[in-house]
C-alpha atoms as a PDB file:
ATOM      1  CA  MET A   1     175.564  65.070  63.640  1.00  0.00           C
ATOM      2  CA  SER A   2     171.783  64.118  64.598  1.00  0.00           C
ATOM      3  CA  THR A   3     169.818  65.116  63.678  1.00  0.00           C
ATOM      4  CA  PRO A   4     167.008  66.389  65.790  1.00  0.00           C
ATOM      5  CA  THR A   5     163.523  64.263  66.575  1.00  0.00           C
ATOM      6  CA  THR A   6     159.928  65.729  66.760  1.00  0.00           C
ATOM      7  CA  HIS A   7     157.342  64.168  69.368  1.00  0.00           C
ATOM      8  CA  ILE A   8     154.258  65.367  69.204  1.00  0.00           C
ATOM      9  CA  VAL A   9     152.107  65.719  72.295  1.00  0.00           C
ATOM     10  CA  ARG A  10     148.626  65.655  71.955  1.00  0.00           C
ATOM     11  CA  PRO A  11     146.268  67.646  74.409  1.00  0.00           C
ATOM     12  CA  ALA A  12     144.612  64.972  77.788  1.00  0.00           C
ATOM     13  CA  GLY A  13     140.896  64.470  77.228  1.00  0.00           C
ATOM     14  CA  ALA A  14     139.951  67.634  77.055  1.00  0.00           C
ATOM     15  CA  GLY A  15     136.203  66.207  76.125  1.00  0.00           C
ATOM     16  CA  HIS A  16     135.963  63.593  79.018  1.00  0.00           C
ATOM     17  CA  GLU A  17     136.807  66.960  81.410  1.00  0.00           C
ATOM     18  CA  THR A  18     133.951  68.673  80.235  1.00  0.00           C
ATOM     19  CA  LEU A  19     131.436  65.869  80.045  1.00  0.00           C
ATOM     20  CA  TYR A  20     132.005  65.618  83.882  1.00  0.00           C
ATOM     21  CA  VAL A  21     131.471  69.259  84.410  1.00  0.00           C
ATOM     22  CA  LEU A  22     128.403  69.108  82.992  1.00  0.00           C
ATOM     23  CA  LEU A  23     127.733  66.548  84.961  1.00  0.00           C
ATOM     24  CA  LEU A  24     128.339  67.796  88.542  1.00  0.00           C
ATOM     25  CA  CYS A  25     126.257  71.150  87.015  1.00  0.00           C
ATOM     26  CA  LEU A  26     123.427  68.843  86.639  1.00  0.00           C
ATOM     27  CA  MET A  27     123.866  67.083  89.144  1.00  0.00           C
ATOM     28  CA  ILE A  28     123.943  70.736  92.186  1.00  0.00           C
ATOM     29  CA  LEU A  29     121.025  71.604  90.129  1.00  0.00           C
ATOM     30  CA  ALA A  30     118.664  68.462  90.373  1.00  0.00           C
ATOM     31  CA  VAL A  31     119.195  68.215  94.220  1.00  0.00           C
ATOM     32  CA  ALA A  32     119.066  72.639  94.437  1.00  0.00           C
ATOM     33  CA  GLY A  33     115.124  72.169  92.499  1.00  0.00           C
ATOM     34  CA  SER A  34     114.494  68.816  94.466  1.00  0.00           C
ATOM     35  CA  VAL A  35     115.085  70.911  98.243  1.00  0.00           C
ATOM     36  CA  VAL A  36     113.207  73.850  96.812  1.00  0.00           C
ATOM     37  CA  ALA A  37     109.952  71.693  95.423  1.00  0.00           C
ATOM     38  CA  TRP A  38     110.265  70.324  98.647  1.00  0.00           C
ATOM     39  CA  ARG A  39     110.557  73.083 100.887  1.00  0.00           C
ATOM     40  CA  GLY A  40     108.367  75.741  99.055  1.00  0.00           C
ATOM     41  CA  GLU A  41     105.155  76.556 100.390  1.00  0.00           C
ATOM     42  CA  SER A  42     102.185  77.511  98.445  1.00  0.00           C
ATOM     43  CA  PRO A  43     100.844  81.008  98.183  1.00  0.00           C
ATOM     44  CA  GLN A  44      97.999  81.954 100.584  1.00  0.00           C
ATOM     45  CA  VAL A  45      95.829  84.463  98.624  1.00  0.00           C
ATOM     46  CA  SER A  46      92.785  85.632 101.797  1.00  0.00           C
ATOM     47  CA  SER A  47      90.139  87.592 100.433  1.00  0.00           C
ATOM     48  CA  VAL A  48      87.991  90.256 101.623  1.00  0.00           C
ATOM     49  CA  ASN A  49      84.059  90.366 102.499  1.00  0.00           C
ATOM     50  CA  SER A  50      82.082  92.131  99.429  1.00  0.00           C
ATOM     51  CA  HIS A  51      82.058  95.154 101.619  1.00  0.00           C
ATOM     52  CA  GLN A  52      86.141  95.167 102.715  1.00  0.00           C
ATOM     53  CA  LEU A  53      89.135  96.831 101.161  1.00  0.00           C
ATOM     54  CA  ASP A  54      92.101  95.542 101.416  1.00  0.00           C
ATOM     55  CA  ALA A  55      94.756  98.715 102.193  1.00  0.00           C
ATOM     56  CA  ARG A  56      97.271  97.540 100.345  1.00  0.00           C
ATOM     57  CA  ARG A  57      95.640  96.171  97.205  1.00  0.00           C
ATOM     58  CA  ASP A  58      92.328  98.255  96.854  1.00  0.00           C
ATOM     59  CA  LEU A  59      93.239 101.581  98.107  1.00  0.00           C
ATOM     60  CA  SER A  60      94.683 104.572  95.176  1.00  0.00           C
ATOM     61  CA  ALA A  61      98.747 105.680  96.933  1.00  0.00           C
ATOM     62  CA  SER A  62      96.309 108.883  98.560  1.00  0.00           C
ATOM     63  CA  GLU A  63      94.171 107.019 100.365  1.00  0.00           C
ATOM     64  CA  GLN A  64      96.721 104.067 101.293  1.00  0.00           C
ATOM     65  CA  GLY A  65      99.003 107.452 102.883  1.00  0.00           C
ATOM     66  CA  ILE A  66      94.954 109.230 104.802  1.00  0.00           C
ATOM     67  CA  TYR A  67      94.828 105.245 106.203  1.00  0.00           C
ATOM     68  CA  ALA A  68      97.780 105.110 107.275  1.00  0.00           C
ATOM     69  CA  ASP A  69      98.202 108.828 109.191  1.00  0.00           C
ATOM     70  CA  LEU A  70      94.694 107.612 110.514  1.00  0.00           C
ATOM     71  CA  ARG A  71      96.427 104.557 111.376  1.00  0.00           C
ATOM     72  CA  VAL A  72      99.191 106.983 113.553  1.00  0.00           C
ATOM     73  CA  THR A  73      97.044 109.804 115.020  1.00  0.00           C
ATOM     74  CA  LEU A  74      94.742 107.747 116.391  1.00  0.00           C
ATOM     75  CA  ASP A  75      97.376 106.547 119.396  1.00  0.00           C
ATOM     76  CA  GLU A  76      97.288 110.286 119.807  1.00  0.00           C
ATOM     77  CA  ILE A  77      93.999 110.518 119.441  1.00  0.00           C
ATOM     78  CA  HIS A  78      94.082 108.071 122.530  1.00  0.00           C
ATOM     79  CA  LEU A  79      96.163 109.839 125.062  1.00  0.00           C
ATOM     80  CA  LEU A  80      94.325 113.270 124.303  1.00  0.00           C
ATOM     81  CA  ARG A  81      91.043 112.090 125.076  1.00  0.00           C
ATOM     82  CA  GLN A  82      92.691 110.105 128.597  1.00  0.00           C
ATOM     83  CA  GLU A  83      93.818 113.772 129.484  1.00  0.00           C
ATOM     84  CA  GLN A  84      91.189 115.403 128.678  1.00  0.00           C
ATOM     85  CA  HIS A  85      88.705 113.431 128.995  1.00  0.00           C
ATOM     86  CA  SER A  86      86.886 114.073 125.447  1.00  0.00           C
ATOM     87  CA  LEU A  87      87.377 113.407 121.630  1.00  0.00           C
ATOM     88  CA  PRO A  88      90.148 116.373 120.181  1.00  0.00           C
ATOM     89  CA  THR A  89      88.138 117.926 118.086  1.00  0.00           C
ATOM     90  CA  PRO A  90      89.637 117.998 114.444  1.00  0.00           C
ATOM     91  CA  GLU A  91      90.841 121.593 114.458  1.00  0.00           C
ATOM     92  CA  SER A  92      93.163 120.888 117.685  1.00  0.00           C
ATOM     93  CA  LEU A  93      94.736 117.586 116.105  1.00  0.00           C
ATOM     94  CA  ALA A  94      95.725 120.037 113.104  1.00  0.00           C
ATOM     95  CA  ASP A  95      96.659 122.678 115.190  1.00  0.00           C
ATOM     96  CA  GLU A  96      99.359 119.829 116.605  1.00  0.00           C
ATOM     97  CA  GLY A  97     100.013 119.495 112.953  1.00  0.00           C
ATOM     98  CA  PHE A  98      99.419 115.050 113.473  1.00  0.00           C
ATOM     99  CA  ALA A  99      98.140 114.570 109.544  1.00  0.00           C
ATOM    100  CA  PRO A 100      95.949 113.241 107.506  1.00  0.00           C
ATOM    101  CA  PHE A 101      94.109 116.532 110.781  1.00  0.00           C
ATOM    102  CA  ALA A 102      96.550 119.437 109.496  1.00  0.00           C
ATOM    103  CA  ARG A 103      96.212 121.375 106.490  1.00  0.00           C
ATOM    104  CA  ASP A 104      99.671 121.130 104.179  1.00  0.00           C
ATOM    105  CA  ALA A 105     100.651 120.323 101.001  1.00  0.00           C
ATOM    106  CA  SER A 106     100.260 116.572 101.969  1.00  0.00           C
ATOM    107  CA  SER A 107      96.955 116.929 102.899  1.00  0.00           C
ATOM    108  CA  VAL A 108      96.125 119.176  99.838  1.00  0.00           C
ATOM    109  CA  SER A 109      97.484 116.682  96.649  1.00  0.00           C
ATOM    110  CA  ARG A 110      95.643 113.249  98.771  1.00  0.00           C
ATOM    111  CA  GLY A 111      92.180 115.067  98.393  1.00  0.00           C
ATOM    112  CA  GLY A 112      92.118 118.113 100.934  1.00  0.00           C
ATOM    113  CA  HIS A 113      89.571 116.641 102.625  1.00  0.00           C
ATOM    114  CA  ALA A 114      87.085 118.365 105.638  1.00  0.00           C
ATOM    115  CA  TRP A 115      87.018 117.237 108.727  1.00  0.00           C
ATOM    116  CA  GLN A 116      84.595 116.764 112.043  1.00  0.00           C
ATOM    117  CA  LEU A 117      84.006 115.145 114.736  1.00  0.00           C
ATOM    118  CA  LEU A 118      80.501 113.113 115.087  1.00  0.00           C
ATOM    119  CA  GLU A 119      78.914 113.290 117.928  1.00  0.00           C
ATOM    120  CA  ALA A 120      78.640 109.324 117.872  1.00  0.00           C
ATOM    121  CA  GLY A 121      82.484 110.142 118.020  1.00  0.00           C
ATOM    122  CA  ALA A 122      83.796 108.739 115.146  1.00  0.00           C
ATOM    123  CA  TYR A 123      85.723 111.442 112.793  1.00  0.00           C
ATOM    124  CA  PHE A 124      84.870 112.229 109.477  1.00  0.00           C
ATOM    125  CA  GLY A 125      86.900 113.358 106.714  1.00  0.00           C
ATOM    126  CA  GLN A 126      85.130 114.908 103.098  1.00  0.00           C
ATOM    127  CA  SER A 127      86.947 114.666 100.649  1.00  0.00           C
ATOM    128  CA  GLN A 128      87.211 117.832  97.708  1.00  0.00           C
ATOM    129  CA  SER A 129      88.517 115.668  95.484  1.00  0.00           C
ATOM    130  CA  VAL A 130      87.180 112.407  95.058  1.00  0.00           C
ATOM    131  CA  ASP A 131      88.910 111.519  92.096  1.00  0.00           C
ATOM    132  CA  MET A 132      91.864 112.035  94.544  1.00  0.00           C
ATOM    133  CA  ALA A 133      90.902 109.503  97.034  1.00  0.00           C
ATOM    134  CA  GLY A 134      87.558 109.002  99.022  1.00  0.00           C
ATOM    135  CA  SER A 135      86.287 110.366 102.208  1.00  0.00           C
ATOM    136  CA  PHE A 136      86.764 108.197 105.446  1.00  0.00           C
ATOM    137  CA  LEU A 137      85.544 107.565 108.642  1.00  0.00           C
ATOM    138  CA  MET A 138      86.916 106.643 111.501  1.00  0.00           C
ATOM    139  CA  ARG A 139      84.698 105.395 114.492  1.00  0.00           C
ATOM    140  CA  LEU A 140      86.412 104.828 118.107  1.00  0.00           C
ATOM    141  CA  SER A 141      85.210 102.431 121.040  1.00  0.00           C
ATOM    142  CA  ALA A 142      85.370 103.234 124.390  1.00  0.00           C
ATOM    143  CA  ASN A 143      88.008 100.281 124.940  1.00  0.00           C
ATOM    144  CA  ASP A 144      90.773 101.734 122.074  1.00  0.00           C
ATOM    145  CA  ASP A 145      90.638  98.733 119.993  1.00  0.00           C
ATOM    146  CA  ALA A 146      91.897  98.771 116.383  1.00  0.00           C
ATOM    147  CA  PRO A 147      91.149 101.328 114.264  1.00  0.00           C
ATOM    148  CA  ASN A 148      87.771 101.110 112.511  1.00  0.00           C
ATOM    149  CA  ILE A 149      88.536 103.130 108.863  1.00  0.00           C
ATOM    150  CA  TRP A 150      85.401 102.908 106.231  1.00  0.00           C
ATOM    151  CA  LEU A 151      86.027 104.217 103.127  1.00  0.00           C
ATOM    152  CA  ASN A 152      83.002 106.137 100.511  1.00  0.00           C
ATOM    153  CA  ARG A 153      84.186 107.261  96.862  1.00  0.00           C
ATOM    154  CA  ALA A 154      80.758 109.147  96.910  1.00  0.00           C
ATOM    155  CA  ALA A 155      80.930 112.672  95.122  1.00  0.00           C
ATOM    156  CA  ASP A 156      78.472 114.063  97.157  1.00  0.00           C
ATOM    157  CA  LEU A 157      78.184 112.786 100.273  1.00  0.00           C
ATOM    158  CA  LYS A 158      76.991 113.626 104.061  1.00  0.00           C
ATOM    159  CA  ALA A 159      77.939 112.784 107.179  1.00  0.00           C
ATOM    160  CA  PRO A 160      76.324 109.643 108.165  1.00  0.00           C
ATOM    161  CA  VAL A 161      74.187 109.805 111.482  1.00  0.00           C
ATOM    162  CA  ASP A 162      73.875 106.039 112.142  1.00  0.00           C
ATOM    163  CA  LEU A 163      77.534 104.419 111.740  1.00  0.00           C
ATOM    164  CA  SER A 164      76.024 100.895 112.539  1.00  0.00           C
ATOM    165  CA  ASP A 165      77.713  98.028 110.256  1.00  0.00           C
ATOM    166  CA  ALA A 166      74.886  98.016 107.857  1.00  0.00           C
ATOM    167  CA  THR A 167      73.390 100.948 107.769  1.00  0.00           C
ATOM    168  CA  LEU A 168      77.149 102.088 106.179  1.00  0.00           C
ATOM    169  CA  GLU A 169      77.278  99.212 104.158  1.00  0.00           C
ATOM    170  CA  GLY A 170      73.723 100.547 102.715  1.00  0.00           C
ATOM    171  CA  ALA A 171      75.115 103.097 102.405  1.00  0.00           C
ATOM    172  CA  GLY A 172      77.938 102.424  99.806  1.00  0.00           C
ATOM    173  CA  TRP A 173      80.674 102.787 102.711  1.00  0.00           C
ATOM    174  CA  GLN A 174      83.483  99.675 102.331  1.00  0.00           C
ATOM    175  CA  GLN A 175      85.799  99.095 105.613  1.00  0.00           C
ATOM    176  CA  VAL A 176      89.260  99.086 105.190  1.00  0.00           C
ATOM    177  CA  VAL A 177      91.062  95.963 106.555  1.00  0.00           C
ATOM    178  CA  ALA A 178      94.781  95.580 106.704  1.00  0.00           C
ATOM    179  CA  GLN A 179      95.943  92.413 106.308  1.00  0.00           C
ATOM    180  CA  PHE A 180      99.597  91.618 107.487  1.00  0.00           C
ATOM    181  CA  ASP A 181     100.928  88.276 105.671  1.00  0.00           C
ATOM    182  CA  ALA A 182     103.885  86.948 104.305  1.00  0.00           C
ATOM    183  CA  GLY A 183     103.218  88.460 101.352  1.00  0.00           C
ATOM    184  CA  VAL A 184     103.446  91.802 103.293  1.00  0.00           C
ATOM    185  CA  THR A 185     106.321  91.128 105.301  1.00  0.00           C
ATOM    186  CA  ARG A 186     108.418  88.466 102.805  1.00  0.00           C
ATOM    187  CA  GLN A 187     109.476  86.667 105.955  1.00  0.00           C
ATOM    188  CA  HIS A 188     108.473  83.292 106.421  1.00  0.00           C
ATOM    189  CA  ARG A 189     108.987  81.571 110.139  1.00  0.00           C
ATOM    190  CA  HIS A 190     109.617  78.012 109.938  1.00  0.00           C
END
């Protein structure tokens, strides 16, 4: 009888394979990092003037809601003004259910604003709860431009008579501006 022979089989160079895989991963990461660094854009921080507030950053959630409602309702106000040849009253806008003029749970939770139409062609919404939201003023122009909305967080506020920018600024009003940049839309156009 013959004696069985045993052959010892050693594993293939696993250490070399691991080294090659690690080098390939490092090369992929280096290429990806250089592409990101080369194509990256520096963030553009836009600032507003001292008499202005950024609608995204400087307003509370309640104030942002009222501001958005005013911008949406502005289109309806322009249409009603063309039909009636005069600005609709806050009461008629409330009857139609247009926010923020309508008296509903949303308007109460946002400060319970009492709206009035000023003779100079502006809507003034006096806040009943300034800790929730400040008072708003929406000036309208004859040529249907973008909304011109102002905010004042003072507690005992009266409806302004002179609606010029300088007078409003002097009385503590701040203009609300909406800036739409890449930070808002999260889209980069190249």
